[in-house]
């Protein structure tokens, strides 16, 4: 039987940190399934919605050779995806919290005798860092010429 690895995220502004995570996840099993949060779900736990529309985020993930299944999710819960995919390993980031939706899937995975694998974030970049850099560059090039003369 093939081992199924499942991870979830926003995957906005796909970058090397995402690639490193997904490649690592693939080494843990035979099939890598990726859950992609809808804009509405992201808005429930992050201060802003993604820049790249859900359909395009899905398309980019499907194009990656390390990803076998891409599954959008529209509710802030993870148990249904784990059940549907019959996952063996659920991969989460190091900041995985103690919110009810996190604890629900933690309890489900452990009750099924499956594994939760925590991973460290790639320090090289993040979608938030990229957005901050873009905004900073935009603002610095569009500063009003106050007291310029």
Protein backbone atom coordinates (compact mmCIF):
# COMPACT_ATOMS: atom_id res chain seq x y z
CA UNK A 1 0.00 0.00 0.00
CA UNK A 2 1.29 3.45 -0.93
CA UNK A 3 2.00 5.98 1.82
CA UNK A 4 0.01 9.22 1.42
CA UNK A 5 1.43 12.49 2.69
CA UNK A 6 -0.86 15.51 3.05
CA UNK A 7 -0.01 19.14 3.71
CA UNK A 8 -2.12 22.27 3.57
CA UNK A 9 -1.53 25.95 2.95
CA UNK A 10 -2.29 29.07 0.99
CA UNK A 11 0.56 28.77 -1.53
CA UNK A 12 0.21 32.39 -2.60
CA UNK A 13 3.09 33.77 -4.66
CA UNK A 14 4.68 30.34 -5.09
CA UNK A 15 8.34 30.61 -4.03
CA UNK A 16 11.40 28.53 -3.09
CA UNK A 17 10.16 28.04 0.47
CA UNK A 18 7.03 26.37 -0.89
CA UNK A 19 9.12 24.25 -3.24
CA UNK A 20 11.43 23.12 -0.43
CA UNK A 21 8.42 22.17 1.71
CA UNK A 22 6.72 20.23 -1.07
CA UNK A 23 9.91 18.41 -2.11
CA UNK A 24 10.51 17.44 1.51
CA UNK A 25 6.92 16.22 1.90
CA UNK A 26 7.33 14.03 -1.17
CA UNK A 27 10.33 12.29 0.44
CA UNK A 28 8.09 11.17 3.32
CA UNK A 29 5.85 8.95 1.21
CA UNK A 30 4.69 7.80 -2.19
CA UNK A 31 1.85 10.21 -2.92
CA UNK A 32 1.88 13.91 -2.03
CA UNK A 33 -1.51 15.55 -1.64
CA UNK A 34 -1.68 19.31 -1.17
CA UNK A 35 -4.66 21.13 0.31
CA UNK A 36 -5.05 24.71 -0.92
CA UNK A 37 -7.05 27.16 1.17
CA UNK A 38 -9.74 29.20 -0.54
CA UNK A 39 -9.58 32.99 -0.16
CA UNK A 40 -12.43 32.82 2.37
CA UNK A 41 -10.57 30.28 4.50
CA UNK A 42 -7.34 32.28 4.38
CA UNK A 43 -9.23 35.39 5.46
CA UNK A 44 -10.30 33.50 8.63
CA UNK A 45 -6.74 33.12 9.92
CA UNK A 46 -4.57 35.66 8.09
CA UNK A 47 -4.93 39.43 7.92
CA UNK A 48 -5.21 39.49 4.14
CA UNK A 49 -6.45 37.35 1.28
CA UNK A 50 -4.11 35.89 -1.34
CA UNK A 51 -2.99 37.92 -4.32
CA UNK A 52 -3.09 34.95 -6.71
CA UNK A 53 -6.62 33.56 -7.26
CA UNK A 54 -7.35 30.04 -5.98
CA UNK A 55 -7.71 28.52 -9.46
CA UNK A 56 -4.25 29.79 -10.45
CA UNK A 57 -2.67 28.58 -7.20
CA UNK A 58 -4.16 25.14 -7.89
CA UNK A 59 -2.87 25.18 -11.48
CA UNK A 60 0.67 26.08 -10.36
CA UNK A 61 0.74 23.31 -7.76
CA UNK A 62 -0.56 20.74 -10.24
CA UNK A 63 2.34 21.62 -12.56
CA UNK A 64 4.95 20.60 -9.97
CA UNK A 65 6.39 17.12 -10.48
CA UNK A 66 6.53 16.43 -6.72
CA UNK A 67 2.78 17.05 -6.26
CA UNK A 68 0.38 14.23 -7.08
CA UNK A 69 -2.98 15.54 -5.82
CA UNK A 70 -4.21 19.10 -5.33
CA UNK A 71 -7.32 19.54 -3.22
CA UNK A 72 -8.88 22.95 -2.57
CA UNK A 73 -10.67 23.36 0.74
CA UNK A 74 -13.43 25.81 1.55
CA UNK A 75 -13.86 25.33 5.31
CA UNK A 76 -11.36 25.94 8.08
CA UNK A 77 -11.00 22.30 9.08
CA UNK A 78 -8.65 19.56 8.02
CA UNK A 79 -10.23 16.31 9.19
CA UNK A 80 -12.38 15.86 6.07
CA UNK A 81 -9.35 16.06 3.79
CA UNK A 82 -7.43 13.57 5.92
CA UNK A 83 -10.39 11.18 5.85
CA UNK A 84 -11.03 11.60 2.12
CA UNK A 85 -7.39 10.96 1.26
CA UNK A 86 -6.79 8.33 3.96
CA UNK A 87 -3.51 10.06 4.82
CA UNK A 88 -0.62 8.39 6.57
CA UNK A 89 1.33 11.55 7.40
CA UNK A 90 -0.08 15.04 7.90
CA UNK A 91 2.62 17.72 7.54
CA UNK A 92 2.27 21.06 9.33
CA UNK A 93 4.46 24.08 9.92
CA UNK A 94 6.37 24.71 13.12
CA UNK A 95 3.83 27.37 14.13
CA UNK A 96 0.92 24.90 14.09
CA UNK A 97 -1.21 26.20 16.90
CA UNK A 98 -3.79 25.01 19.37
CA UNK A 99 -6.90 26.39 17.65
CA UNK A 100 -9.92 24.04 17.69
CA UNK A 101 -9.50 23.20 13.98
CA UNK A 102 -5.84 22.28 14.60
CA UNK A 103 -6.62 20.18 17.65
CA UNK A 104 -9.44 18.38 15.82
CA UNK A 105 -7.12 17.11 13.09
CA UNK A 106 -4.33 16.39 15.57
CA UNK A 107 -6.69 14.19 17.59
CA UNK A 108 -8.08 12.52 14.46
CA UNK A 109 -4.64 11.71 13.02
CA UNK A 110 -3.34 10.34 16.32
CA UNK A 111 -6.52 8.32 16.96
CA UNK A 112 -6.04 6.65 13.57
CA UNK A 113 -2.46 5.71 14.48
CA UNK A 114 -1.10 8.03 11.80
CA UNK A 115 1.70 10.58 12.05
CA UNK A 116 1.86 14.38 12.30
CA UNK A 117 5.14 15.75 10.98
CA UNK A 118 6.14 19.30 11.93
CA UNK A 119 8.56 21.16 9.67
CA UNK A 120 10.53 24.38 10.11
CA UNK A 121 9.80 27.24 7.79
CA UNK A 122 12.35 28.01 5.12
CA UNK A 123 14.14 31.15 6.32
CA UNK A 124 14.97 32.22 2.75
CA UNK A 125 11.59 33.71 1.96
CA UNK A 126 7.85 33.78 2.48
CA UNK A 127 4.87 35.22 0.64
CA UNK A 128 4.57 37.85 3.39
CA UNK A 129 8.23 38.87 2.94
CA UNK A 130 7.74 39.13 -0.82
CA UNK A 131 4.63 41.30 -0.36
CA UNK A 132 6.46 43.53 2.13
CA UNK A 133 9.40 44.01 -0.26
CA UNK A 134 7.09 44.87 -3.15
CA UNK A 135 5.18 47.36 -1.01
CA UNK A 136 8.39 48.91 0.33
CA UNK A 137 9.80 49.30 -3.19
CA UNK A 138 6.53 50.74 -4.45
CA UNK A 139 6.31 53.26 -1.63
CA UNK A 140 9.97 54.32 -1.93
CA UNK A 141 9.61 55.00 -5.66
CA UNK A 142 6.32 56.83 -5.25
CA UNK A 143 7.16 59.12 -2.36
CA UNK A 144 5.87 62.64 -2.84
CA UNK A 145 8.54 65.23 -3.47
CA UNK A 146 8.11 67.10 -0.18
CA UNK A 147 10.56 69.94 0.33
CA UNK A 148 12.39 68.90 -2.81
CA UNK A 149 13.29 72.47 -3.75
